């Protein structure tokens, strides 16, 4: 499965990575898997303020990812 990262996650991990697909993997499980593989980005990955899109649609933590889905992680935006 293809995982895209934006903002600070793109800088910390990469703009895009390819993961072996895991059947019945939820967004919450994927967050944990990515946080374990990229400890320097773990806090941002685990933050519920980081949003996840599947095939360009915003999804919740219990969404089950399909093998052909494109996943996008949007980190929280800060501003003033």
C-alpha atoms as a PDB file:
ATOM      1  CA  UNK A   1       0.000   0.000   0.000  1.00  0.00           C
ATOM      2  CA  UNK A   2       1.143   3.517  -0.749  1.00  0.00           C
ATOM      3  CA  UNK A   3       1.411   5.973   2.146  1.00  0.00           C
ATOM      4  CA  UNK A   4       1.877   9.690   1.484  1.00  0.00           C
ATOM      5  CA  UNK A   5       3.032  12.196   4.095  1.00  0.00           C
ATOM      6  CA  UNK A   6       2.710  15.969   4.085  1.00  0.00           C
ATOM      7  CA  UNK A   7       4.249  18.824   6.052  1.00  0.00           C
ATOM      8  CA  UNK A   8       6.504  17.896   8.939  1.00  0.00           C
ATOM      9  CA  UNK A   9       5.779  14.184   8.448  1.00  0.00           C
ATOM     10  CA  UNK A  10       7.110  14.401   4.902  1.00  0.00           C
ATOM     11  CA  UNK A  11      10.286  15.997   6.244  1.00  0.00           C
ATOM     12  CA  UNK A  12      10.670  13.465   9.083  1.00  0.00           C
ATOM     13  CA  UNK A  13       9.856  10.271   7.156  1.00  0.00           C
ATOM     14  CA  UNK A  14       9.629  10.799   3.381  1.00  0.00           C
ATOM     15  CA  UNK A  15       7.059  12.242   1.005  1.00  0.00           C
ATOM     16  CA  UNK A  16       5.957   8.712   0.095  1.00  0.00           C
ATOM     17  CA  UNK A  17       6.616   5.141   1.226  1.00  0.00           C
ATOM     18  CA  UNK A  18       5.370   1.745   0.130  1.00  0.00           C
ATOM     19  CA  UNK A  19       4.327  -0.757   2.814  1.00  0.00           C
ATOM     20  CA  UNK A  20       3.504  -4.416   2.520  1.00  0.00           C
ATOM     21  CA  UNK A  21      -0.269  -4.572   2.750  1.00  0.00           C
ATOM     22  CA  UNK A  22      -1.774  -5.888   5.948  1.00  0.00           C
ATOM     23  CA  UNK A  23      -5.260  -7.283   5.617  1.00  0.00           C
ATOM     24  CA  UNK A  24      -7.742  -5.944   8.160  1.00  0.00           C
ATOM     25  CA  UNK A  25      -5.363  -3.213   9.337  1.00  0.00           C
ATOM     26  CA  UNK A  26      -7.150  -0.219  10.845  1.00  0.00           C
ATOM     27  CA  UNK A  27      -5.932   3.363  10.756  1.00  0.00           C
ATOM     28  CA  UNK A  28      -5.143   3.141  14.491  1.00  0.00           C
ATOM     29  CA  UNK A  29      -3.018   0.024  13.912  1.00  0.00           C
ATOM     30  CA  UNK A  30      -1.230   1.660  10.991  1.00  0.00           C
ATOM     31  CA  UNK A  31      -0.426   4.703  13.154  1.00  0.00           C
ATOM     32  CA  UNK A  32       1.176   2.423  15.753  1.00  0.00           C
ATOM     33  CA  UNK A  33       3.123   0.503  13.099  1.00  0.00           C
ATOM     34  CA  UNK A  34       4.468   3.706  11.533  1.00  0.00           C
ATOM     35  CA  UNK A  35       5.276   5.239  14.948  1.00  0.00           C
ATOM     36  CA  UNK A  36       7.313   2.145  15.873  1.00  0.00           C
ATOM     37  CA  UNK A  37       9.196   2.277  12.565  1.00  0.00           C
ATOM     38  CA  UNK A  38       9.791   6.060  12.754  1.00  0.00           C
ATOM     39  CA  UNK A  39      10.251   6.980  16.443  1.00  0.00           C
ATOM     40  CA  UNK A  40      11.390  10.526  15.571  1.00  0.00           C
ATOM     41  CA  UNK A  41       7.909  11.145  14.094  1.00  0.00           C
ATOM     42  CA  UNK A  42       5.943   9.046  16.623  1.00  0.00           C
ATOM     43  CA  UNK A  43       4.353  11.928  18.534  1.00  0.00           C
ATOM     44  CA  UNK A  44       2.969  13.495  15.366  1.00  0.00           C
ATOM     45  CA  UNK A  45       1.855  10.150  13.931  1.00  0.00           C
ATOM     46  CA  UNK A  46       0.010   9.227  17.142  1.00  0.00           C
ATOM     47  CA  UNK A  47      -1.630  12.635  17.515  1.00  0.00           C
ATOM     48  CA  UNK A  48      -5.362  12.530  16.878  1.00  0.00           C
ATOM     49  CA  UNK A  49      -4.901  15.967  15.352  1.00  0.00           C
ATOM     50  CA  UNK A  50      -3.027  14.281  12.487  1.00  0.00           C
ATOM     51  CA  UNK A  51      -5.738  13.405  10.014  1.00  0.00           C
ATOM     52  CA  UNK A  52      -5.821  10.467   7.621  1.00  0.00           C
ATOM     53  CA  UNK A  53      -7.337  10.300   4.157  1.00  0.00           C
ATOM     54  CA  UNK A  54      -8.017   7.106   2.257  1.00  0.00           C
ATOM     55  CA  UNK A  55      -8.382   7.619  -1.489  1.00  0.00           C
ATOM     56  CA  UNK A  56      -8.847  11.371  -0.811  1.00  0.00           C
ATOM     57  CA  UNK A  57     -11.630  10.874   1.795  1.00  0.00           C
ATOM     58  CA  UNK A  58     -11.241  11.687   5.485  1.00  0.00           C
ATOM     59  CA  UNK A  59     -11.630   8.535   7.611  1.00  0.00           C
ATOM     60  CA  UNK A  60     -11.744   7.596  11.295  1.00  0.00           C
ATOM     61  CA  UNK A  61      -9.423   5.469  13.395  1.00  0.00           C
ATOM     62  CA  UNK A  62     -11.462   2.300  12.992  1.00  0.00           C
ATOM     63  CA  UNK A  63     -11.494   2.407   9.172  1.00  0.00           C
ATOM     64  CA  UNK A  64     -10.079  -0.841   7.746  1.00  0.00           C
ATOM     65  CA  UNK A  65      -7.539  -0.281   4.981  1.00  0.00           C
ATOM     66  CA  UNK A  66      -7.737  -2.215   1.725  1.00  0.00           C
ATOM     67  CA  UNK A  67      -4.675  -3.486  -0.135  1.00  0.00           C
ATOM     68  CA  UNK A  68      -5.129  -1.039  -3.018  1.00  0.00           C
ATOM     69  CA  UNK A  69      -5.975   2.034  -0.906  1.00  0.00           C
ATOM     70  CA  UNK A  70      -3.855   5.165  -1.008  1.00  0.00           C
ATOM     71  CA  UNK A  71      -3.258   6.540   2.494  1.00  0.00           C
ATOM     72  CA  UNK A  72      -2.391  10.164   3.208  1.00  0.00           C
ATOM     73  CA  UNK A  73      -1.271  11.541   6.570  1.00  0.00           C
ATOM     74  CA  UNK A  74      -1.876  15.233   7.213  1.00  0.00           C
ATOM     75  CA  UNK A  75      -0.056  16.545  10.303  1.00  0.00           C
ATOM     76  CA  UNK A  76      -1.642  19.185  12.517  1.00  0.00           C
ATOM     77  CA  UNK A  77      -1.240  22.674  11.147  1.00  0.00           C
ATOM     78  CA  UNK A  78       0.144  25.353  13.411  1.00  0.00           C
ATOM     79  CA  UNK A  79      -0.261  28.993  12.842  1.00  0.00           C
ATOM     80  CA  UNK A  80      -0.697  32.274  14.489  1.00  0.00           C
END
